[in-house]
Amino acid sequence: MAIIITEECINCGACEPECPNTAIYEGGVEWTWAGGTKLVDVELEDGSVIGGKDPMTPISDEFYYIVSDKCTECMGFHEEPQCAAVCPVDCCVPDPDHEEDEETLYAKKAWLHAE
């Protein structure tokens, strides 16, 4: 299951540098697949291919956000999600809309980092 940042976020930024996949971005900031990963091109669900460095629309304009397709809950890096560990207001929580088992999270990590 990916992690989500709730609207209780105080925009302190403590979580962003902790993410080993660079899946956390400041509100209003565009994100990329390549940021913090080895991805060059990405095939989307509709079959189209985009460049890993192509800017993507921010998921939130108001507070920090996590790109669920890049979130591995720190599997293979740490024992627990580091964003949740450092968040002073406990707003980094499991995302019920993106439930994934350990095998899926490890596979995502391998894909993101070309392992």
PDB file of N, CA and C in Angstrom:
ATOM      1  N   MET A   1       0.845  -1.172   0.000  1.00  0.00           N
ATOM      2  CA  MET A   1       0.000   0.000   0.000  1.00  0.00           C
ATOM      3  C   MET A   1       0.891   1.236   0.000  1.00  0.00           C
ATOM      4  N   ALA A   2       0.635   2.126  -0.886  1.00  0.00           N
ATOM      5  CA  ALA A   2       1.385   3.372  -0.923  1.00  0.00           C
ATOM      6  C   ALA A   2       0.976   4.244   0.264  1.00  0.00           C
ATOM      7  N   ILE A   3       1.763   5.257   0.487  1.00  0.00           N
ATOM      8  CA  ILE A   3       1.488   6.220   1.555  1.00  0.00           C
ATOM      9  C   ILE A   3       0.876   7.462   0.908  1.00  0.00           C
ATOM     10  N   ILE A   4       0.006   8.122   1.636  1.00  0.00           N
ATOM     11  CA  ILE A   4      -0.607   9.368   1.175  1.00  0.00           C
ATOM     12  C   ILE A   4      -0.373  10.431   2.249  1.00  0.00           C
ATOM     13  N   ILE A   5      -0.262  11.679   1.816  1.00  0.00           N
ATOM     14  CA  ILE A   5      -0.139  12.796   2.753  1.00  0.00           C
ATOM     15  C   ILE A   5      -1.513  13.447   2.837  1.00  0.00           C
ATOM     16  N   THR A   6      -2.054  13.501   4.036  1.00  0.00           N
ATOM     17  CA  THR A   6      -3.393  14.054   4.224  1.00  0.00           C
ATOM     18  C   THR A   6      -3.354  15.584   4.266  1.00  0.00           C
ATOM     19  N   GLU A   7      -4.534  16.180   4.233  1.00  0.00           N
ATOM     20  CA  GLU A   7      -4.614  17.639   4.237  1.00  0.00           C
ATOM     21  C   GLU A   7      -4.238  18.253   5.579  1.00  0.00           C
ATOM     22  N   GLU A   8      -3.922  17.426   6.564  1.00  0.00           N
ATOM     23  CA  GLU A   8      -3.413  17.944   7.833  1.00  0.00           C
ATOM     24  C   GLU A   8      -1.955  18.393   7.711  1.00  0.00           C
ATOM     25  N   CYS A   9      -1.343  18.160   6.556  1.00  0.00           N
ATOM     26  CA  CYS A   9       0.056  18.525   6.305  1.00  0.00           C
ATOM     27  C   CYS A   9       0.277  20.012   6.608  1.00  0.00           C
ATOM     28  N   ILE A  10       1.372  20.299   7.322  1.00  0.00           N
ATOM     29  CA  ILE A  10       1.709  21.681   7.667  1.00  0.00           C
ATOM     30  C   ILE A  10       2.798  22.242   6.746  1.00  0.00           C
ATOM     31  N   ASN A  11       3.129  21.493   5.684  1.00  0.00           N
ATOM     32  CA  ASN A  11       4.119  21.922   4.693  1.00  0.00           C
ATOM     33  C   ASN A  11       5.491  22.202   5.292  1.00  0.00           C
ATOM     34  N   CYS A  12       5.889  21.387   6.256  1.00  0.00           N
ATOM     35  CA  CYS A  12       7.204  21.586   6.871  1.00  0.00           C
ATOM     36  C   CYS A  12       8.333  21.044   5.993  1.00  0.00           C
ATOM     37  N   GLY A  13       8.020  20.081   5.114  1.00  0.00           N
ATOM     38  CA  GLY A  13       9.022  19.533   4.205  1.00  0.00           C
ATOM     39  C   GLY A  13       9.916  18.463   4.787  1.00  0.00           C
ATOM     40  N   ALA A  14       9.665  18.025   6.006  1.00  0.00           N
ATOM     41  CA  ALA A  14      10.526  17.020   6.642  1.00  0.00           C
ATOM     42  C   ALA A  14      10.538  15.703   5.872  1.00  0.00           C
ATOM     43  N   CYS A  15       9.447  15.363   5.244  1.00  0.00           N
ATOM     44  CA  CYS A  15       9.304  14.076   4.554  1.00  0.00           C
ATOM     45  C   CYS A  15      10.069  14.004   3.234  1.00  0.00           C
ATOM     46  N   GLU A  16      10.094  15.086   2.502  1.00  0.00           N
ATOM     47  CA  GLU A  16      10.609  15.070   1.127  1.00  0.00           C
ATOM     48  C   GLU A  16      12.016  14.485   0.984  1.00  0.00           C
ATOM     49  N   PRO A  17      13.006  14.933   1.749  1.00  0.00           N
ATOM     50  CA  PRO A  17      14.355  14.384   1.555  1.00  0.00           C
ATOM     51  C   PRO A  17      14.521  12.951   2.052  1.00  0.00           C
ATOM     52  N   GLU A  18      13.555  12.443   2.792  1.00  0.00           N
ATOM     53  CA  GLU A  18      13.654  11.088   3.340  1.00  0.00           C
ATOM     54  C   GLU A  18      13.268  10.005   2.338  1.00  0.00           C
ATOM     55  N   CYS A  19      12.573  10.355   1.276  1.00  0.00           N
ATOM     56  CA  CYS A  19      12.051   9.360   0.335  1.00  0.00           C
ATOM     57  C   CYS A  19      13.151   8.835  -0.587  1.00  0.00           C
ATOM     58  N   PRO A  20      13.415   7.521  -0.555  1.00  0.00           N
ATOM     59  CA  PRO A  20      14.464   6.952  -1.404  1.00  0.00           C
ATOM     60  C   PRO A  20      14.078   6.878  -2.879  1.00  0.00           C
ATOM     61  N   ASN A  21      12.815   7.101  -3.194  1.00  0.00           N
ATOM     62  CA  ASN A  21      12.346   7.045  -4.579  1.00  0.00           C
ATOM     63  C   ASN A  21      12.022   8.422  -5.154  1.00  0.00           C
ATOM     64  N   THR A  22      12.237   9.461  -4.369  1.00  0.00           N
ATOM     65  CA  THR A  22      11.847  10.818  -4.749  1.00  0.00           C
ATOM     66  C   THR A  22      10.391  10.825  -5.208  1.00  0.00           C
ATOM     67  N   ALA A  23       9.531  10.250  -4.378  1.00  0.00           N
ATOM     68  CA  ALA A  23       8.098  10.189  -4.676  1.00  0.00           C
ATOM     69  C   ALA A  23       7.331  11.318  -4.005  1.00  0.00           C
ATOM     70  N   ILE A  24       8.009  12.125  -3.202  1.00  0.00           N
ATOM     71  CA  ILE A  24       7.349  13.204  -2.455  1.00  0.00           C
ATOM     72  C   ILE A  24       7.741  14.549  -3.054  1.00  0.00           C
ATOM     73  N   TYR A  25       6.727  15.365  -3.297  1.00  0.00           N
ATOM     74  CA  TYR A  25       6.943  16.669  -3.910  1.00  0.00           C
ATOM     75  C   TYR A  25       6.168  17.742  -3.157  1.00  0.00           C
ATOM     76  N   GLU A  26       6.698  18.960  -3.201  1.00  0.00           N
ATOM     77  CA  GLU A  26       6.015  20.101  -2.594  1.00  0.00           C
ATOM     78  C   GLU A  26       4.766  20.428  -3.406  1.00  0.00           C
ATOM     79  N   GLY A  27       3.724  20.848  -2.734  1.00  0.00           N
ATOM     80  CA  GLY A  27       2.490  21.215  -3.412  1.00  0.00           C
ATOM     81  C   GLY A  27       2.732  22.219  -4.523  1.00  0.00           C
ATOM     82  N   GLY A  28       2.105  21.987  -5.672  1.00  0.00           N
ATOM     83  CA  GLY A  28       2.242  22.886  -6.808  1.00  0.00           C
ATOM     84  C   GLY A  28       3.450  22.633  -7.682  1.00  0.00           C
ATOM     85  N   VAL A  29       4.344  21.748  -7.257  1.00  0.00           N
ATOM     86  CA  VAL A  29       5.563  21.457  -8.012  1.00  0.00           C
ATOM     87  C   VAL A  29       5.327  20.248  -8.917  1.00  0.00           C
ATOM     88  N   GLU A  30       5.705  20.392 -10.199  1.00  0.00           N
ATOM     89  CA  GLU A  30       5.590  19.268 -11.123  1.00  0.00           C
ATOM     90  C   GLU A  30       6.538  18.152 -10.697  1.00  0.00           C
ATOM     91  N   TRP A  31       6.186  16.915 -11.042  1.00  0.00           N
ATOM     92  CA  TRP A  31       7.019  15.766 -10.714  1.00  0.00           C
ATOM     93  C   TRP A  31       7.422  15.052 -11.995  1.00  0.00           C
ATOM     94  N   THR A  32       8.440  14.183 -11.884  1.00  0.00           N
ATOM     95  CA  THR A  32       8.878  13.381 -13.021  1.00  0.00           C
ATOM     96  C   THR A  32       9.077  11.937 -12.576  1.00  0.00           C
ATOM     97  N   TRP A  33       8.949  11.026 -13.528  1.00  0.00           N
ATOM     98  CA  TRP A  33       9.229   9.614 -13.246  1.00  0.00           C
ATOM     99  C   TRP A  33      10.720   9.422 -12.998  1.00  0.00           C
ATOM    100  N   ALA A  34      11.567  10.157 -13.714  1.00  0.00           N
ATOM    101  CA  ALA A  34      13.010   9.965 -13.632  1.00  0.00           C
ATOM    102  C   ALA A  34      13.601  10.469 -12.320  1.00  0.00           C
ATOM    103  N   GLY A  35      12.977  11.438 -11.696  1.00  0.00           N
ATOM    104  CA  GLY A  35      13.512  11.993 -10.459  1.00  0.00           C
ATOM    105  C   GLY A  35      13.719  10.922  -9.401  1.00  0.00           C
ATOM    106  N   GLY A  36      14.976  10.665  -9.037  1.00  0.00           N
ATOM    107  CA  GLY A  36      15.296   9.687  -8.002  1.00  0.00           C
ATOM    108  C   GLY A  36      15.208   8.240  -8.442  1.00  0.00           C
ATOM    109  N   THR A  37      15.007   8.007  -9.747  1.00  0.00           N
ATOM    110  CA  THR A  37      14.897   6.639 -10.262  1.00  0.00           C
ATOM    111  C   THR A  37      15.822   6.471 -11.461  1.00  0.00           C
ATOM    112  N   LYS A  38      15.815   5.279 -12.026  1.00  0.00           N
ATOM    113  CA  LYS A  38      16.602   4.999 -13.233  1.00  0.00           C
ATOM    114  C   LYS A  38      15.716   4.989 -14.483  1.00  0.00           C
ATOM    115  N   LEU A  39      14.471   5.414 -14.356  1.00  0.00           N
ATOM    116  CA  LEU A  39      13.537   5.355 -15.476  1.00  0.00           C
ATOM    117  C   LEU A  39      13.887   6.372 -16.556  1.00  0.00           C
ATOM    118  N   VAL A  40      13.893   5.893 -17.801  1.00  0.00           N
ATOM    119  CA  VAL A  40      14.149   6.755 -18.948  1.00  0.00           C
ATOM    120  C   VAL A  40      12.838   7.028 -19.675  1.00  0.00           C
ATOM    121  N   ASP A  41      12.110   5.962 -19.983  1.00  0.00           N
ATOM    122  CA  ASP A  41      10.792   6.054 -20.602  1.00  0.00           C
ATOM    123  C   ASP A  41       9.815   5.250 -19.760  1.00  0.00           C
ATOM    124  N   VAL A  42       8.556   5.665 -19.762  1.00  0.00           N
ATOM    125  CA  VAL A  42       7.531   4.986 -18.968  1.00  0.00           C
ATOM    126  C   VAL A  42       6.320   4.718 -19.854  1.00  0.00           C
ATOM    127  N   GLU A  43       5.865   3.462 -19.848  1.00  0.00           N
ATOM    128  CA  GLU A  43       4.650   3.120 -20.577  1.00  0.00           C
ATOM    129  C   GLU A  43       3.470   3.296 -19.632  1.00  0.00           C
ATOM    130  N   LEU A  44       2.532   4.139 -20.029  1.00  0.00           N
ATOM    131  CA  LEU A  44       1.357   4.412 -19.214  1.00  0.00           C
ATOM    132  C   LEU A  44       0.299   3.332 -19.420  1.00  0.00           C
ATOM    133  N   GLU A  45      -0.711   3.332 -18.575  1.00  0.00           N
ATOM    134  CA  GLU A  45      -1.776   2.327 -18.644  1.00  0.00           C
ATOM    135  C   GLU A  45      -2.467   2.293 -20.000  1.00  0.00           C
ATOM    136  N   ASP A  46      -2.531   3.441 -20.677  1.00  0.00           N
ATOM    137  CA  ASP A  46      -3.195   3.484 -21.987  1.00  0.00           C
ATOM    138  C   ASP A  46      -2.285   3.030 -23.127  1.00  0.00           C
ATOM    139  N   GLY A  47      -1.053   2.622 -22.790  1.00  0.00           N
ATOM    140  CA  GLY A  47      -0.114   2.131 -23.792  1.00  0.00           C
ATOM    141  C   GLY A  47       0.811   3.191 -24.357  1.00  0.00           C
ATOM    142  N   SER A  48       0.539   4.453 -24.073  1.00  0.00           N
ATOM    143  CA  SER A  48       1.418   5.509 -24.563  1.00  0.00           C
ATOM    144  C   SER A  48       2.713   5.524 -23.754  1.00  0.00           C
ATOM    145  N   VAL A  49       3.762   6.023 -24.379  1.00  0.00           N
ATOM    146  CA  VAL A  49       5.066   6.081 -23.726  1.00  0.00           C
ATOM    147  C   VAL A  49       5.460   7.545 -23.564  1.00  0.00           C
ATOM    148  N   ILE A  50       5.924   7.890 -22.367  1.00  0.00           N
ATOM    149  CA  ILE A  50       6.386   9.255 -22.108  1.00  0.00           C
ATOM    150  C   ILE A  50       7.819   9.201 -21.611  1.00  0.00           C
ATOM    151  N   GLY A  51       8.512  10.289 -21.757  1.00  0.00           N
ATOM    152  CA  GLY A  51       9.879  10.381 -21.265  1.00  0.00           C
ATOM    153  C   GLY A  51       9.891  10.505 -19.754  1.00  0.00           C
ATOM    154  N   GLY A  52      10.841   9.848 -19.125  1.00  0.00           N
ATOM    155  CA  GLY A  52      10.945   9.887 -17.675  1.00  0.00           C
ATOM    156  C   GLY A  52      11.157  11.283 -17.119  1.00  0.00           C
ATOM    157  N   LYS A  53      11.737  12.161 -17.937  1.00  0.00           N
ATOM    158  CA  LYS A  53      11.995  13.528 -17.487  1.00  0.00           C
ATOM    159  C   LYS A  53      10.874  14.493 -17.851  1.00  0.00           C
ATOM    160  N   ASP A  54       9.836  13.986 -18.529  1.00  0.00           N
ATOM    161  CA  ASP A  54       8.703  14.845 -18.878  1.00  0.00           C
ATOM    162  C   ASP A  54       7.993  15.304 -17.607  1.00  0.00           C
ATOM    163  N   PRO A  55       7.725  16.607 -17.474  1.00  0.00           N
ATOM    164  CA  PRO A  55       7.043  17.098 -16.267  1.00  0.00           C
ATOM    165  C   PRO A  55       5.595  16.626 -16.206  1.00  0.00           C
ATOM    166  N   MET A  56       5.188  16.220 -15.019  1.00  0.00           N
ATOM    167  CA  MET A  56       3.828  15.747 -14.776  1.00  0.00           C
ATOM    168  C   MET A  56       3.105  16.766 -13.893  1.00  0.00           C
ATOM    169  N   THR A  57       1.801  16.835 -14.035  1.00  0.00           N
ATOM    170  CA  THR A  57       0.978  17.779 -13.284  1.00  0.00           C
ATOM    171  C   THR A  57       1.018  17.466 -11.788  1.00  0.00           C
ATOM    172  N   PRO A  58       1.185  18.482 -10.949  1.00  0.00           N
ATOM    173  CA  PRO A  58       1.168  18.248  -9.498  1.00  0.00           C
ATOM    174  C   PRO A  58      -0.139  17.592  -9.051  1.00  0.00           C
ATOM    175  N   ILE A  59      -0.052  16.698  -8.098  1.00  0.00           N
ATOM    176  CA  ILE A  59      -1.232  16.023  -7.556  1.00  0.00           C
ATOM    177  C   ILE A  59      -1.957  16.934  -6.568  1.00  0.00           C
ATOM    178  N   SER A  60      -1.212  17.822  -5.929  1.00  0.00           N
ATOM    179  CA  SER A  60      -1.794  18.779  -4.982  1.00  0.00           C
ATOM    180  C   SER A  60      -1.132  20.134  -5.182  1.00  0.00           C
ATOM    181  N   ASP A  61      -1.903  21.171  -5.043  1.00  0.00           N
ATOM    182  CA  ASP A  61      -1.358  22.523  -5.095  1.00  0.00           C
ATOM    183  C   ASP A  61      -1.201  23.113  -3.701  1.00  0.00           C
ATOM    184  N   GLU A  62      -1.827  22.483  -2.708  1.00  0.00           N
ATOM    185  CA  GLU A  62      -1.895  23.060  -1.372  1.00  0.00           C
ATOM    186  C   GLU A  62      -0.865  22.529  -0.387  1.00  0.00           C
ATOM    187  N   PHE A  63      -0.510  21.235  -0.508  1.00  0.00           N
ATOM    188  CA  PHE A  63       0.425  20.647   0.450  1.00  0.00           C
ATOM    189  C   PHE A  63       1.252  19.565  -0.230  1.00  0.00           C
ATOM    190  N   TYR A  64       2.282  19.114   0.467  1.00  0.00           N
ATOM    191  CA  TYR A  64       3.146  18.072  -0.086  1.00  0.00           C
ATOM    192  C   TYR A  64       2.307  16.873  -0.496  1.00  0.00           C
ATOM    193  N   TYR A  65       2.775  16.150  -1.510  1.00  0.00           N
ATOM    194  CA  TYR A  65       2.044  14.976  -1.993  1.00  0.00           C
ATOM    195  C   TYR A  65       3.012  13.858  -2.362  1.00  0.00           C
ATOM    196  N   ILE A  66       2.481  12.643  -2.405  1.00  0.00           N
ATOM    197  CA  ILE A  66       3.256  11.460  -2.757  1.00  0.00           C
ATOM    198  C   ILE A  66       2.696  10.884  -4.052  1.00  0.00           C
ATOM    199  N   VAL A  67       3.580  10.606  -5.006  1.00  0.00           N
ATOM    200  CA  VAL A  67       3.190   9.944  -6.251  1.00  0.00           C
ATOM    201  C   VAL A  67       3.103   8.454  -5.932  1.00  0.00           C
ATOM    202  N   SER A  68       1.893   7.936  -5.863  1.00  0.00           N
ATOM    203  CA  SER A  68       1.694   6.549  -5.414  1.00  0.00           C
ATOM    204  C   SER A  68       2.415   5.536  -6.295  1.00  0.00           C
ATOM    205  N   ASP A  69       2.542   5.816  -7.587  1.00  0.00           N
ATOM    206  CA  ASP A  69       3.222   4.881  -8.478  1.00  0.00           C
ATOM    207  C   ASP A  69       4.731   4.842  -8.255  1.00  0.00           C
ATOM    208  N   LYS A  70       5.269   5.780  -7.480  1.00  0.00           N
ATOM    209  CA  LYS A  70       6.696   5.764  -7.137  1.00  0.00           C
ATOM    210  C   LYS A  70       6.928   5.352  -5.685  1.00  0.00           C
ATOM    211  N   CYS A  71       5.866   5.256  -4.898  1.00  0.00           N
ATOM    212  CA  CYS A  71       5.993   4.924  -3.474  1.00  0.00           C
ATOM    213  C   CYS A  71       6.091   3.418  -3.273  1.00  0.00           C
ATOM    214  N   THR A  72       7.134   3.003  -2.566  1.00  0.00           N
ATOM    215  CA  THR A  72       7.324   1.584  -2.226  1.00  0.00           C
ATOM    216  C   THR A  72       7.250   1.364  -0.724  1.00  0.00           C
ATOM    217  N   GLU A  73       6.777   2.357   0.006  1.00  0.00           N
ATOM    218  CA  GLU A  73       6.755   2.314   1.474  1.00  0.00           C
ATOM    219  C   GLU A  73       8.152   2.053   2.030  1.00  0.00           C
ATOM    220  N   CYS A  74       9.159   2.447   1.277  1.00  0.00           N
ATOM    221  CA  CYS A  74      10.574   2.289   1.645  1.00  0.00           C
ATOM    222  C   CYS A  74      11.023   0.824   1.691  1.00  0.00           C
ATOM    223  N   MET A  75      10.232  -0.090   1.122  1.00  0.00           N
ATOM    224  CA  MET A  75      10.611  -1.513   1.078  1.00  0.00           C
ATOM    225  C   MET A  75      11.962  -1.659   0.383  1.00  0.00           C
ATOM    226  N   GLY A  76      12.833  -2.423   1.001  1.00  0.00           N
ATOM    227  CA  GLY A  76      14.155  -2.636   0.438  1.00  0.00           C
ATOM    228  C   GLY A  76      15.151  -1.551   0.804  1.00  0.00           C
ATOM    229  N   PHE A  77      14.682  -0.506   1.450  1.00  0.00           N
ATOM    230  CA  PHE A  77      15.539   0.591   1.889  1.00  0.00           C
ATOM    231  C   PHE A  77      15.542   0.723   3.410  1.00  0.00           C
ATOM    232  N   HIS A  78      14.347   0.693   4.000  1.00  0.00           N
ATOM    233  CA  HIS A  78      14.183   0.914   5.437  1.00  0.00           C
ATOM    234  C   HIS A  78      13.123  -0.032   5.992  1.00  0.00           C
ATOM    235  N   GLU A  79      13.077  -0.153   7.296  1.00  0.00           N
ATOM    236  CA  GLU A  79      12.111  -1.032   7.964  1.00  0.00           C
ATOM    237  C   GLU A  79      10.698  -0.459   7.983  1.00  0.00           C
ATOM    238  N   GLU A  80      10.590   0.868   7.849  1.00  0.00           N
ATOM    239  CA  GLU A  80       9.288   1.528   7.873  1.00  0.00           C
ATOM    240  C   GLU A  80       9.322   2.721   6.926  1.00  0.00           C
ATOM    241  N   PRO A  81       8.162   3.184   6.475  1.00  0.00           N
ATOM    242  CA  PRO A  81       8.133   4.372   5.619  1.00  0.00           C
ATOM    243  C   PRO A  81       8.753   5.570   6.347  1.00  0.00           C
ATOM    244  N   GLN A  82       9.783   6.130   5.751  1.00  0.00           N
ATOM    245  CA  GLN A  82      10.510   7.210   6.406  1.00  0.00           C
ATOM    246  C   GLN A  82       9.720   8.507   6.484  1.00  0.00           C
ATOM    247  N   CYS A  83       8.836   8.737   5.533  1.00  0.00           N
ATOM    248  CA  CYS A  83       8.015   9.952   5.600  1.00  0.00           C
ATOM    249  C   CYS A  83       7.158   9.933   6.860  1.00  0.00           C
ATOM    250  N   ALA A  84       6.559   8.783   7.145  1.00  0.00           N
ATOM    251  CA  ALA A  84       5.720   8.649   8.341  1.00  0.00           C
ATOM    252  C   ALA A  84       6.559   8.757   9.608  1.00  0.00           C
ATOM    253  N   ALA A  85       7.780   8.240   9.555  1.00  0.00           N
ATOM    254  CA  ALA A  85       8.650   8.260  10.734  1.00  0.00           C
ATOM    255  C   ALA A  85       9.061   9.674  11.133  1.00  0.00           C
ATOM    256  N   VAL A  86       9.207  10.575  10.152  1.00  0.00           N
ATOM    257  CA  VAL A  86       9.679  11.929  10.469  1.00  0.00           C
ATOM    258  C   VAL A  86       8.573  12.980  10.524  1.00  0.00           C
ATOM    259  N   CYS A  87       7.373  12.642  10.105  1.00  0.00           N
ATOM    260  CA  CYS A  87       6.291  13.629  10.055  1.00  0.00           C
ATOM    261  C   CYS A  87       5.883  14.065  11.466  1.00  0.00           C
ATOM    262  N   PRO A  88       5.974  15.376  11.749  1.00  0.00           N
ATOM    263  CA  PRO A  88       5.638  15.850  13.097  1.00  0.00           C
ATOM    264  C   PRO A  88       4.140  15.868  13.404  1.00  0.00           C
ATOM    265  N   VAL A  89       3.298  15.745  12.373  1.00  0.00           N
ATOM    266  CA  VAL A  89       1.850  15.776  12.605  1.00  0.00           C
ATOM    267  C   VAL A  89       1.161  14.482  12.170  1.00  0.00           C
ATOM    268  N   ASP A  90       1.942  13.455  11.898  1.00  0.00           N
ATOM    269  CA  ASP A  90       1.413  12.127  11.532  1.00  0.00           C
ATOM    270  C   ASP A  90       0.408  12.169  10.386  1.00  0.00           C
ATOM    271  N   CYS A  91       0.732  12.921   9.335  1.00  0.00           N
ATOM    272  CA  CYS A  91      -0.189  12.990   8.196  1.00  0.00           C
ATOM    273  C   CYS A  91       0.242  12.110   7.025  1.00  0.00           C
ATOM    274  N   CYS A  92       1.320  11.346   7.178  1.00  0.00           N
ATOM    275  CA  CYS A  92       1.744  10.380   6.163  1.00  0.00           C
ATOM    276  C   CYS A  92       1.192   9.024   6.587  1.00  0.00           C
ATOM    277  N   VAL A  93       0.123   8.609   5.919  1.00  0.00           N
ATOM    278  CA  VAL A  93      -0.622   7.415   6.332  1.00  0.00           C
ATOM    279  C   VAL A  93      -0.826   6.480   5.138  1.00  0.00           C
ATOM    280  N   PRO A  94      -1.133   5.200   5.400  1.00  0.00           N
ATOM    281  CA  PRO A  94      -1.402   4.266   4.296  1.00  0.00           C
ATOM    282  C   PRO A  94      -2.566   4.759   3.432  1.00  0.00           C
ATOM    283  N   ASP A  95      -2.399   4.627   2.122  1.00  0.00           N
ATOM    284  CA  ASP A  95      -3.411   5.062   1.162  1.00  0.00           C
ATOM    285  C   ASP A  95      -4.339   3.895   0.835  1.00  0.00           C
ATOM    286  N   PRO A  96      -5.574   3.918   1.313  1.00  0.00           N
ATOM    287  CA  PRO A  96      -6.490   2.797   1.077  1.00  0.00           C
ATOM    288  C   PRO A  96      -6.832   2.593  -0.398  1.00  0.00           C
ATOM    289  N   ASP A  97      -6.585   3.594  -1.231  1.00  0.00           N
ATOM    290  CA  ASP A  97      -6.862   3.468  -2.665  1.00  0.00           C
ATOM    291  C   ASP A  97      -5.724   2.802  -3.432  1.00  0.00           C
ATOM    292  N   HIS A  98      -4.587   2.566  -2.765  1.00  0.00           N
ATOM    293  CA  HIS A  98      -3.432   1.957  -3.424  1.00  0.00           C
ATOM    294  C   HIS A  98      -2.837   0.861  -2.543  1.00  0.00           C
ATOM    295  N   GLU A  99      -3.618  -0.177  -2.291  1.00  0.00           N
ATOM    296  CA  GLU A  99      -3.154  -1.295  -1.473  1.00  0.00           C
ATOM    297  C   GLU A  99      -2.271  -2.216  -2.309  1.00  0.00           C
ATOM    298  N   GLU A 100      -1.080  -2.516  -1.794  1.00  0.00           N
ATOM    299  CA  GLU A 100      -0.129  -3.388  -2.479  1.00  0.00           C
ATOM    300  C   GLU A 100       0.533  -4.300  -1.459  1.00  0.00           C
ATOM    301  N   ASP A 101       0.797  -5.548  -1.852  1.00  0.00           N
ATOM    302  CA  ASP A 101       1.484  -6.459  -0.944  1.00  0.00           C
ATOM    303  C   ASP A 101       2.999  -6.267  -1.077  1.00  0.00           C
ATOM    304  N   GLU A 102       3.760  -6.924  -0.190  1.00  0.00           N
ATOM    305  CA  GLU A 102       5.215  -6.769  -0.183  1.00  0.00           C
ATOM    306  C   GLU A 102       5.837  -7.132  -1.523  1.00  0.00           C
ATOM    307  N   GLU A 103       5.371  -8.212  -2.127  1.00  0.00           N
ATOM    308  CA  GLU A 103       5.922  -8.649  -3.411  1.00  0.00           C
ATOM    309  C   GLU A 103       5.766  -7.556  -4.470  1.00  0.00           C
ATOM    310  N   THR A 104       4.610  -6.933  -4.502  1.00  0.00           N
ATOM    311  CA  THR A 104       4.348  -5.858  -5.461  1.00  0.00           C
ATOM    312  C   THR A 104       5.233  -4.647  -5.179  1.00  0.00           C
ATOM    313  N   LEU A 105       5.403  -4.306  -3.907  1.00  0.00           N
ATOM    314  CA  LEU A 105       6.244  -3.162  -3.547  1.00  0.00           C
ATOM    315  C   LEU A 105       7.707  -3.407  -3.906  1.00  0.00           C
ATOM    316  N   TYR A 106       8.203  -4.624  -3.674  1.00  0.00           N
ATOM    317  CA  TYR A 106       9.580  -4.959  -4.054  1.00  0.00           C
ATOM    318  C   TYR A 106       9.746  -4.940  -5.570  1.00  0.00           C
ATOM    319  N   ALA A 107       8.736  -5.409  -6.300  1.00  0.00           N
ATOM    320  CA  ALA A 107       8.789  -5.385  -7.763  1.00  0.00           C
ATOM    321  C   ALA A 107       8.807  -3.942  -8.268  1.00  0.00           C
ATOM    322  N   LYS A 108       8.028  -3.077  -7.628  1.00  0.00           N
ATOM    323  CA  LYS A 108       8.012  -1.663  -8.005  1.00  0.00           C
ATOM    324  C   LYS A 108       9.380  -1.040  -7.762  1.00  0.00           C
ATOM    325  N   LYS A 109       9.995  -1.361  -6.627  1.00  0.00           N
ATOM    326  CA  LYS A 109      11.341  -0.861  -6.321  1.00  0.00           C
ATOM    327  C   LYS A 109      12.325  -1.295  -7.400  1.00  0.00           C
ATOM    328  N   ALA A 110      12.277  -2.578  -7.783  1.00  0.00           N
ATOM    329  CA  ALA A 110      13.181  -3.099  -8.810  1.00  0.00           C
ATOM    330  C   ALA A 110      12.961  -2.378 -10.139  1.00  0.00           C
ATOM    331  N   TRP A 111      11.698  -2.114 -10.493  1.00  0.00           N
ATOM    332  CA  TRP A 111      11.389  -1.408 -11.735  1.00  0.00           C
ATOM    333  C   TRP A 111      11.903   0.031 -11.694  1.00  0.00           C
ATOM    334  N   LEU A 112      11.648   0.719 -10.595  1.00  0.00           N
ATOM    335  CA  LEU A 112      12.073   2.117 -10.473  1.00  0.00           C
ATOM    336  C   LEU A 112      13.581   2.281 -10.542  1.00  0.00           C
ATOM    337  N   HIS A 113      14.303   1.307  -9.993  1.00  0.00           N
ATOM    338  CA  HIS A 113      15.756   1.439  -9.871  1.00  0.00           C
ATOM    339  C   HIS A 113      16.524   0.497 -10.795  1.00  0.00           C
ATOM    340  N   ALA A 114      15.833  -0.084 -11.783  1.00  0.00           N
ATOM    341  CA  ALA A 114      16.449  -0.952 -12.802  1.00  0.00           C
ATOM    342  C   ALA A 114      17.317  -2.039 -12.181  1.00  0.00           C
ATOM    343  N   GLU A 115      16.737  -2.753 -11.231  1.00  0.00           N
ATOM    344  CA  GLU A 115      17.488  -3.815 -10.548  1.00  0.00           C
ATOM    345  C   GLU A 115      17.222  -5.157 -11.186  1.00  0.00           C
TER     346      GLU A 115
END
